[in-house]
Amino acid sequence: MLFRNKGQAFVPDFMASVAIFGFILVVFMTSWNALVDNQLQSQRDQDLYIQGQRTMNQLINSEGVPKDWNSSSVDAVGLAEQPHVLNGSKMSELEELSYSRQQSLMKAVGGFQLSVKGAQNYEVGEEPDADTVFSFTRFALLNQSGDLKRVEVKYAVW
């Protein structure tokens, strides 16, 4: 009986093709995972930025819920008496809340820091400790017993 080698796969050829296919598959999967991770991080950053903008606007434009809230009755935080005119007593009440309660009211998934700088300074939250920090700055008036002073309001979220 005569053996013919036509159409037969040799073990070295088969192993080489499996190795090349495996290498291409590993490169593709690694690239794909990196691409997906970048897309997810970009989406998280965008969500964090939008949430930070909303919180900042709520703080300086809203009275909160209820309108005359204090540290024991607040449901939604807002520091304004009217848009861009902040109530100093509400800032003091906000400082009295625990960090976790402040974080919950600010809807901060990670950390946050709020500072109001002017004639009198207020600060709540903690120092940023993340790679991605979004910071928002607005100017407003602070009403301290009828005395209006210009202040800089900074809100950072991460």
N, C-alpha and C. Protein backbone atom coordinates (compact mmCIF):
# COMPACT_ATOMS: atom_id res chain seq x y z
N MET A 1 0.83 -1.16 0.00
CA MET A 1 0.00 0.00 0.00
C MET A 1 0.88 1.23 0.00
N LEU A 2 0.53 2.19 -0.79
CA LEU A 2 1.30 3.40 -0.99
C LEU A 2 0.66 4.57 -0.23
N PHE A 3 1.48 5.29 0.60
CA PHE A 3 0.94 6.43 1.35
C PHE A 3 1.20 7.71 0.59
N ARG A 4 0.21 8.52 0.50
CA ARG A 4 0.36 9.82 -0.14
C ARG A 4 0.25 10.91 0.93
N ASN A 5 1.04 11.97 0.81
CA ASN A 5 1.04 13.06 1.78
C ASN A 5 0.11 14.20 1.40
N LYS A 6 -0.64 14.06 0.39
CA LYS A 6 -1.54 15.13 -0.04
C LYS A 6 -2.65 15.33 0.98
N GLY A 7 -2.88 16.62 1.31
CA GLY A 7 -3.99 16.97 2.17
C GLY A 7 -3.80 16.63 3.64
N GLN A 8 -2.66 16.20 4.02
CA GLN A 8 -2.43 15.88 5.41
C GLN A 8 -1.79 17.07 6.12
N ALA A 9 -2.23 17.36 7.33
CA ALA A 9 -1.68 18.47 8.11
C ALA A 9 -0.53 17.94 8.95
N PHE A 10 0.54 18.68 8.93
CA PHE A 10 1.67 18.31 9.76
C PHE A 10 1.51 18.96 11.12
N VAL A 11 1.95 18.31 12.14
CA VAL A 11 1.83 18.81 13.50
C VAL A 11 2.53 20.17 13.66
N PRO A 12 3.73 20.39 13.14
CA PRO A 12 4.36 21.71 13.30
C PRO A 12 3.56 22.82 12.60
N ASP A 13 2.99 22.54 11.44
CA ASP A 13 2.18 23.55 10.75
C ASP A 13 0.93 23.89 11.55
N PHE A 14 0.30 22.87 12.07
CA PHE A 14 -0.91 23.07 12.86
C PHE A 14 -0.60 23.87 14.14
N MET A 15 0.47 23.52 14.83
CA MET A 15 0.86 24.23 16.05
C MET A 15 1.21 25.68 15.75
N ALA A 16 1.88 25.93 14.65
CA ALA A 16 2.23 27.30 14.28
C ALA A 16 0.97 28.11 13.99
N SER A 17 0.01 27.52 13.29
CA SER A 17 -1.22 28.26 12.97
C SER A 17 -2.04 28.52 14.25
N VAL A 18 -2.07 27.58 15.18
CA VAL A 18 -2.78 27.78 16.45
C VAL A 18 -2.09 28.88 17.25
N ALA A 19 -0.78 28.89 17.27
CA ALA A 19 -0.03 29.92 18.01
C ALA A 19 -0.29 31.31 17.41
N ILE A 20 -0.28 31.42 16.09
CA ILE A 20 -0.53 32.71 15.44
C ILE A 20 -1.96 33.16 15.71
N PHE A 21 -2.92 32.23 15.57
CA PHE A 21 -4.31 32.57 15.84
C PHE A 21 -4.49 33.00 17.30
N GLY A 22 -3.88 32.29 18.21
CA GLY A 22 -3.95 32.63 19.64
C GLY A 22 -3.37 34.00 19.92
N PHE A 23 -2.23 34.32 19.31
CA PHE A 23 -1.60 35.62 19.49
C PHE A 23 -2.52 36.74 18.98
N ILE A 24 -3.09 36.55 17.81
CA ILE A 24 -4.01 37.56 17.24
C ILE A 24 -5.24 37.71 18.13
N LEU A 25 -5.74 36.61 18.66
CA LEU A 25 -6.91 36.67 19.55
C LEU A 25 -6.58 37.42 20.83
N VAL A 26 -5.42 37.18 21.43
CA VAL A 26 -5.01 37.87 22.65
C VAL A 26 -4.86 39.36 22.40
N VAL A 27 -4.24 39.74 21.28
CA VAL A 27 -4.08 41.16 20.94
C VAL A 27 -5.45 41.81 20.76
N PHE A 28 -6.34 41.15 20.07
CA PHE A 28 -7.68 41.69 19.84
C PHE A 28 -8.44 41.86 21.16
N MET A 29 -8.41 40.85 22.02
CA MET A 29 -9.14 40.93 23.28
C MET A 29 -8.57 42.02 24.19
N THR A 30 -7.26 42.15 24.23
CA THR A 30 -6.64 43.19 25.04
C THR A 30 -7.03 44.57 24.53
N SER A 31 -6.97 44.75 23.23
CA SER A 31 -7.36 46.03 22.64
C SER A 31 -8.83 46.33 22.89
N TRP A 32 -9.66 45.32 22.74
CA TRP A 32 -11.09 45.50 22.95
C TRP A 32 -11.39 45.90 24.39
N ASN A 33 -10.76 45.23 25.35
CA ASN A 33 -10.99 45.55 26.75
C ASN A 33 -10.52 46.96 27.08
N ALA A 34 -9.40 47.38 26.54
CA ALA A 34 -8.90 48.74 26.77
C ALA A 34 -9.88 49.76 26.20
N LEU A 35 -10.41 49.49 25.02
CA LEU A 35 -11.37 50.40 24.39
C LEU A 35 -12.65 50.50 25.22
N VAL A 36 -13.16 49.39 25.68
CA VAL A 36 -14.38 49.38 26.49
C VAL A 36 -14.14 50.10 27.81
N ASP A 37 -12.99 49.86 28.46
CA ASP A 37 -12.67 50.54 29.71
C ASP A 37 -12.61 52.04 29.53
N ASN A 38 -12.01 52.50 28.43
CA ASN A 38 -11.94 53.94 28.16
C ASN A 38 -13.32 54.54 27.95
N GLN A 39 -14.18 53.83 27.26
CA GLN A 39 -15.54 54.31 27.03
C GLN A 39 -16.31 54.40 28.35
N LEU A 40 -16.17 53.39 29.20
CA LEU A 40 -16.86 53.40 30.49
C LEU A 40 -16.35 54.53 31.38
N GLN A 41 -15.04 54.74 31.41
CA GLN A 41 -14.48 55.83 32.22
C GLN A 41 -14.95 57.18 31.71
N SER A 42 -15.00 57.33 30.40
CA SER A 42 -15.48 58.57 29.80
C SER A 42 -16.94 58.83 30.19
N GLN A 43 -17.75 57.80 30.18
CA GLN A 43 -19.16 57.93 30.55
C GLN A 43 -19.29 58.29 32.03
N ARG A 44 -18.49 57.65 32.89
CA ARG A 44 -18.52 57.97 34.31
C ARG A 44 -18.10 59.42 34.56
N ASP A 45 -17.07 59.87 33.85
CA ASP A 45 -16.61 61.24 33.99
C ASP A 45 -17.69 62.23 33.55
N GLN A 46 -18.35 61.91 32.46
CA GLN A 46 -19.42 62.79 31.96
C GLN A 46 -20.58 62.84 32.96
N ASP A 47 -20.96 61.70 33.52
CA ASP A 47 -22.03 61.67 34.52
C ASP A 47 -21.65 62.47 35.76
N LEU A 48 -20.40 62.34 36.19
CA LEU A 48 -19.91 63.07 37.36
C LEU A 48 -19.92 64.57 37.11
N TYR A 49 -19.52 64.99 35.92
CA TYR A 49 -19.50 66.40 35.57
C TYR A 49 -20.93 66.98 35.57
N ILE A 50 -21.85 66.26 34.96
CA ILE A 50 -23.24 66.72 34.90
C ILE A 50 -23.83 66.81 36.31
N GLN A 51 -23.55 65.79 37.14
CA GLN A 51 -24.04 65.80 38.51
C GLN A 51 -23.46 66.99 39.28
N GLY A 52 -22.19 67.29 39.07
CA GLY A 52 -21.55 68.43 39.74
C GLY A 52 -22.17 69.75 39.33
N GLN A 53 -22.45 69.90 38.04
CA GLN A 53 -23.11 71.12 37.56
C GLN A 53 -24.50 71.28 38.18
N ARG A 54 -25.25 70.20 38.21
CA ARG A 54 -26.61 70.26 38.78
C ARG A 54 -26.57 70.63 40.26
N THR A 55 -25.64 70.03 40.99
CA THR A 55 -25.55 70.32 42.42
C THR A 55 -25.17 71.77 42.65
N MET A 56 -24.20 72.26 41.88
CA MET A 56 -23.78 73.66 42.04
C MET A 56 -24.94 74.61 41.74
N ASN A 57 -25.66 74.35 40.68
CA ASN A 57 -26.82 75.20 40.34
C ASN A 57 -27.90 75.12 41.42
N GLN A 58 -28.12 73.94 41.96
CA GLN A 58 -29.12 73.79 43.03
C GLN A 58 -28.69 74.57 44.27
N LEU A 59 -27.42 74.51 44.60
CA LEU A 59 -26.93 75.19 45.80
C LEU A 59 -27.11 76.70 45.72
N ILE A 60 -26.79 77.30 44.58
CA ILE A 60 -26.81 78.76 44.50
C ILE A 60 -28.11 79.34 43.96
N ASN A 61 -29.01 78.49 43.47
CA ASN A 61 -30.26 79.00 42.91
C ASN A 61 -31.52 78.56 43.66
N SER A 62 -31.38 77.58 44.54
CA SER A 62 -32.55 77.01 45.21
C SER A 62 -32.52 77.28 46.71
N GLU A 63 -33.71 77.39 47.28
CA GLU A 63 -33.82 77.57 48.74
C GLU A 63 -33.71 76.25 49.48
N GLY A 64 -33.89 75.15 48.77
CA GLY A 64 -33.89 73.84 49.41
C GLY A 64 -35.28 73.43 49.82
N VAL A 65 -35.38 72.25 50.41
CA VAL A 65 -36.67 71.73 50.87
C VAL A 65 -36.50 71.29 52.30
N PRO A 66 -37.31 71.77 53.21
CA PRO A 66 -38.24 72.90 53.11
C PRO A 66 -37.49 74.22 52.94
N LYS A 67 -38.24 75.27 52.62
CA LYS A 67 -37.60 76.57 52.35
C LYS A 67 -36.77 77.08 53.52
N ASP A 68 -37.24 76.87 54.72
CA ASP A 68 -36.53 77.36 55.91
C ASP A 68 -35.88 76.20 56.66
N TRP A 69 -35.18 75.34 55.93
CA TRP A 69 -34.60 74.13 56.51
C TRP A 69 -33.49 74.46 57.52
N ASN A 70 -33.30 73.50 58.39
CA ASN A 70 -32.16 73.55 59.31
C ASN A 70 -31.50 72.17 59.30
N SER A 71 -30.49 71.98 60.11
CA SER A 71 -29.72 70.74 60.05
C SER A 71 -30.55 69.49 60.41
N SER A 72 -31.65 69.66 61.11
CA SER A 72 -32.47 68.50 61.46
C SER A 72 -33.66 68.30 60.54
N SER A 73 -33.99 69.27 59.69
CA SER A 73 -35.19 69.15 58.86
C SER A 73 -34.93 69.15 57.36
N VAL A 74 -33.69 69.19 56.93
CA VAL A 74 -33.40 69.34 55.51
C VAL A 74 -33.68 68.05 54.73
N ASP A 75 -34.40 68.20 53.61
CA ASP A 75 -34.65 67.09 52.68
C ASP A 75 -33.86 67.28 51.39
N ALA A 76 -33.75 68.51 50.94
CA ALA A 76 -32.95 68.84 49.75
C ALA A 76 -32.22 70.14 50.04
N VAL A 77 -30.91 70.12 49.86
CA VAL A 77 -30.10 71.28 50.22
C VAL A 77 -30.17 72.34 49.12
N GLY A 78 -30.30 73.57 49.55
CA GLY A 78 -30.24 74.74 48.70
C GLY A 78 -29.86 75.90 49.61
N LEU A 79 -28.94 76.72 49.17
CA LEU A 79 -28.41 77.77 50.05
C LEU A 79 -28.95 79.16 49.73
N ALA A 80 -29.74 79.29 48.69
CA ALA A 80 -30.15 80.60 48.20
C ALA A 80 -31.42 81.12 48.87
N GLU A 81 -31.45 82.43 49.07
CA GLU A 81 -32.70 83.11 49.43
C GLU A 81 -33.43 83.45 48.14
N GLN A 82 -32.65 83.84 47.18
CA GLN A 82 -33.07 84.06 45.80
C GLN A 82 -31.86 83.71 44.95
N PRO A 83 -32.01 83.55 43.63
CA PRO A 83 -30.86 83.12 42.83
C PRO A 83 -29.62 83.99 43.06
N HIS A 84 -28.53 83.34 43.35
CA HIS A 84 -27.21 83.94 43.56
C HIS A 84 -27.12 84.83 44.81
N VAL A 85 -28.06 84.70 45.71
CA VAL A 85 -27.98 85.38 47.01
C VAL A 85 -28.10 84.27 48.07
N LEU A 86 -26.97 83.97 48.71
CA LEU A 86 -26.90 82.86 49.65
C LEU A 86 -27.26 83.30 51.06
N ASN A 87 -27.86 82.39 51.80
CA ASN A 87 -28.25 82.63 53.18
C ASN A 87 -27.14 82.11 54.09
N GLY A 88 -26.51 83.00 54.86
CA GLY A 88 -25.41 82.62 55.74
C GLY A 88 -25.81 81.62 56.80
N SER A 89 -27.03 81.71 57.32
CA SER A 89 -27.45 80.77 58.37
C SER A 89 -27.60 79.36 57.80
N LYS A 90 -27.99 79.24 56.54
CA LYS A 90 -28.08 77.91 55.92
C LYS A 90 -26.69 77.30 55.75
N MET A 91 -25.69 78.14 55.47
CA MET A 91 -24.32 77.62 55.39
C MET A 91 -23.89 77.09 56.75
N SER A 92 -24.22 77.81 57.81
CA SER A 92 -23.88 77.35 59.16
C SER A 92 -24.58 76.04 59.48
N GLU A 93 -25.85 75.93 59.09
CA GLU A 93 -26.61 74.70 59.33
C GLU A 93 -26.00 73.53 58.54
N LEU A 94 -25.57 73.80 57.31
CA LEU A 94 -24.95 72.76 56.49
C LEU A 94 -23.65 72.26 57.13
N GLU A 95 -22.90 73.16 57.73
CA GLU A 95 -21.64 72.77 58.38
C GLU A 95 -21.89 71.84 59.57
N GLU A 96 -23.05 71.95 60.19
CA GLU A 96 -23.37 71.13 61.37
C GLU A 96 -23.69 69.68 61.02
N LEU A 97 -24.03 69.42 59.76
CA LEU A 97 -24.38 68.06 59.36
C LEU A 97 -23.14 67.17 59.28
N SER A 98 -23.34 65.88 59.44
CA SER A 98 -22.22 64.93 59.30
C SER A 98 -21.81 64.87 57.83
N TYR A 99 -20.58 64.42 57.60
CA TYR A 99 -20.09 64.33 56.22
C TYR A 99 -20.96 63.41 55.37
N SER A 100 -21.36 62.28 55.93
CA SER A 100 -22.17 61.33 55.15
C SER A 100 -23.53 61.94 54.80
N ARG A 101 -24.12 62.72 55.70
CA ARG A 101 -25.40 63.38 55.41
C ARG A 101 -25.21 64.47 54.36
N GLN A 102 -24.12 65.24 54.47
CA GLN A 102 -23.81 66.24 53.45
C GLN A 102 -23.64 65.58 52.09
N GLN A 103 -22.90 64.49 52.07
CA GLN A 103 -22.64 63.76 50.82
C GLN A 103 -23.94 63.26 50.20
N SER A 104 -24.83 62.77 51.03
CA SER A 104 -26.12 62.30 50.56
C SER A 104 -26.95 63.44 49.97
N LEU A 105 -26.99 64.57 50.66
CA LEU A 105 -27.76 65.72 50.19
C LEU A 105 -27.18 66.31 48.90
N MET A 106 -25.85 66.25 48.75
CA MET A 106 -25.20 66.77 47.55
C MET A 106 -25.27 65.78 46.40
N LYS A 107 -25.76 64.58 46.70
CA LYS A 107 -25.83 63.50 45.72
C LYS A 107 -24.45 63.18 45.14
N ALA A 108 -23.44 63.27 46.00
CA ALA A 108 -22.07 62.99 45.59
C ALA A 108 -21.79 61.50 45.75
N VAL A 109 -21.58 60.82 44.64
CA VAL A 109 -21.30 59.40 44.67
C VAL A 109 -19.94 59.15 45.31
N GLY A 110 -18.97 59.96 44.93
CA GLY A 110 -17.63 59.88 45.54
C GLY A 110 -17.54 60.92 46.63
N GLY A 111 -16.48 61.70 46.59
CA GLY A 111 -16.31 62.75 47.57
C GLY A 111 -16.68 64.11 47.00
N PHE A 112 -16.72 65.10 47.88
CA PHE A 112 -17.03 66.47 47.45
C PHE A 112 -16.39 67.46 48.41
N GLN A 113 -16.28 68.68 47.94
CA GLN A 113 -15.86 69.79 48.79
C GLN A 113 -16.60 71.03 48.34
N LEU A 114 -17.17 71.74 49.28
CA LEU A 114 -17.86 73.01 49.01
C LEU A 114 -17.22 74.07 49.87
N SER A 115 -16.82 75.16 49.24
CA SER A 115 -16.27 76.27 50.02
C SER A 115 -16.88 77.58 49.53
N VAL A 116 -17.16 78.44 50.49
CA VAL A 116 -17.66 79.79 50.22
C VAL A 116 -16.65 80.73 50.83
N LYS A 117 -15.99 81.50 49.98
CA LYS A 117 -14.92 82.38 50.46
C LYS A 117 -15.29 83.83 50.21
N GLY A 118 -15.15 84.61 51.24
CA GLY A 118 -15.44 86.03 51.18
C GLY A 118 -15.07 86.65 52.50
N ALA A 119 -15.88 87.58 52.98
CA ALA A 119 -15.63 88.19 54.28
C ALA A 119 -15.67 87.14 55.38
N GLN A 120 -16.57 86.17 55.22
CA GLN A 120 -16.64 85.05 56.14
C GLN A 120 -16.53 83.77 55.32
N ASN A 121 -15.70 82.84 55.75
CA ASN A 121 -15.46 81.62 54.99
C ASN A 121 -16.21 80.43 55.59
N TYR A 122 -16.74 79.59 54.69
CA TYR A 122 -17.40 78.35 55.09
C TYR A 122 -16.78 77.24 54.24
N GLU A 123 -16.66 76.07 54.84
CA GLU A 123 -16.14 74.93 54.09
C GLU A 123 -16.74 73.64 54.63
N VAL A 124 -17.25 72.81 53.72
CA VAL A 124 -17.77 71.49 54.07
C VAL A 124 -17.20 70.48 53.09
N GLY A 125 -17.17 69.24 53.51
CA GLY A 125 -16.62 68.20 52.66
C GLY A 125 -15.19 67.91 53.05
N GLU A 126 -14.45 67.34 52.11
CA GLU A 126 -13.06 66.98 52.37
C GLU A 126 -12.18 67.36 51.18
N GLU A 127 -10.88 67.32 51.40
CA GLU A 127 -9.93 67.65 50.35
C GLU A 127 -10.01 66.60 49.24
N PRO A 128 -9.94 67.04 47.97
CA PRO A 128 -9.96 66.07 46.87
C PRO A 128 -8.78 65.11 46.95
N ASP A 129 -9.06 63.83 46.71
CA ASP A 129 -8.01 62.81 46.74
C ASP A 129 -8.18 61.80 45.61
N ALA A 130 -8.55 62.29 44.45
CA ALA A 130 -8.77 61.40 43.31
C ALA A 130 -8.03 61.94 42.09
N ASP A 131 -7.90 61.10 41.07
CA ASP A 131 -7.25 61.52 39.83
C ASP A 131 -8.14 62.45 39.02
N THR A 132 -9.43 62.20 39.02
CA THR A 132 -10.37 63.00 38.26
C THR A 132 -11.22 63.82 39.22
N VAL A 133 -11.00 65.13 39.22
CA VAL A 133 -11.75 66.05 40.08
C VAL A 133 -12.35 67.12 39.19
N PHE A 134 -13.65 67.30 39.29
CA PHE A 134 -14.31 68.37 38.56
C PHE A 134 -14.62 69.49 39.53
N SER A 135 -14.18 70.69 39.19
CA SER A 135 -14.34 71.83 40.07
C SER A 135 -15.19 72.89 39.37
N PHE A 136 -16.13 73.46 40.10
CA PHE A 136 -17.03 74.47 39.58
C PHE A 136 -16.92 75.71 40.46
N THR A 137 -16.83 76.88 39.84
CA THR A 137 -16.72 78.13 40.59
C THR A 137 -17.80 79.09 40.11
N ARG A 138 -18.50 79.69 41.05
CA ARG A 138 -19.51 80.70 40.77
C ARG A 138 -19.32 81.84 41.77
N PHE A 139 -19.80 82.99 41.40
CA PHE A 139 -19.79 84.14 42.31
C PHE A 139 -21.22 84.43 42.71
N ALA A 140 -21.38 84.81 43.96
CA ALA A 140 -22.72 85.08 44.50
C ALA A 140 -22.59 86.13 45.59
N LEU A 141 -23.73 86.47 46.16
CA LEU A 141 -23.77 87.37 47.32
C LEU A 141 -24.14 86.54 48.54
N LEU A 142 -23.53 86.85 49.66
CA LEU A 142 -23.84 86.17 50.91
C LEU A 142 -24.55 87.15 51.83
N ASN A 143 -25.74 86.78 52.25
CA ASN A 143 -26.53 87.61 53.14
C ASN A 143 -26.28 87.18 54.58
N GLN A 144 -25.62 88.05 55.32
CA GLN A 144 -25.38 87.83 56.75
C GLN A 144 -26.15 88.90 57.51
N SER A 145 -27.35 88.57 57.93
CA SER A 145 -28.21 89.50 58.70
C SER A 145 -28.42 90.82 57.97
N GLY A 146 -28.73 90.74 56.68
CA GLY A 146 -29.01 91.94 55.90
C GLY A 146 -27.80 92.57 55.24
N ASP A 147 -26.61 92.14 55.59
CA ASP A 147 -25.37 92.67 55.01
C ASP A 147 -24.94 91.76 53.86
N LEU A 148 -25.00 92.28 52.63
CA LEU A 148 -24.65 91.49 51.45
C LEU A 148 -23.17 91.66 51.11
N LYS A 149 -22.46 90.55 50.99
CA LYS A 149 -21.05 90.55 50.62
C LYS A 149 -20.85 89.60 49.46
N ARG A 150 -19.95 89.99 48.55
CA ARG A 150 -19.63 89.15 47.40
C ARG A 150 -18.76 87.99 47.87
N VAL A 151 -19.10 86.77 47.40
CA VAL A 151 -18.35 85.58 47.77
C VAL A 151 -18.07 84.73 46.54
N GLU A 152 -17.05 83.90 46.67
CA GLU A 152 -16.72 82.93 45.63
C GLU A 152 -17.14 81.56 46.14
N VAL A 153 -17.99 80.89 45.36
CA VAL A 153 -18.48 79.56 45.74
C VAL A 153 -17.77 78.53 44.87
N LYS A 154 -17.09 77.60 45.52
CA LYS A 154 -16.39 76.53 44.78
C LYS A 154 -16.96 75.19 45.22
N TYR A 155 -17.24 74.37 44.22
CA TYR A 155 -17.73 73.02 44.49
C TYR A 155 -16.89 72.06 43.67
N ALA A 156 -16.29 71.10 44.34
CA ALA A 156 -15.48 70.08 43.68
C ALA A 156 -16.09 68.71 43.97
N VAL A 157 -16.10 67.87 42.96
CA VAL A 157 -16.66 66.53 43.10
C VAL A 157 -15.73 65.54 42.41
N TRP A 158 -15.62 64.35 43.00
CA TRP A 158 -14.77 63.31 42.42
C TRP A 158 -15.34 61.94 42.68
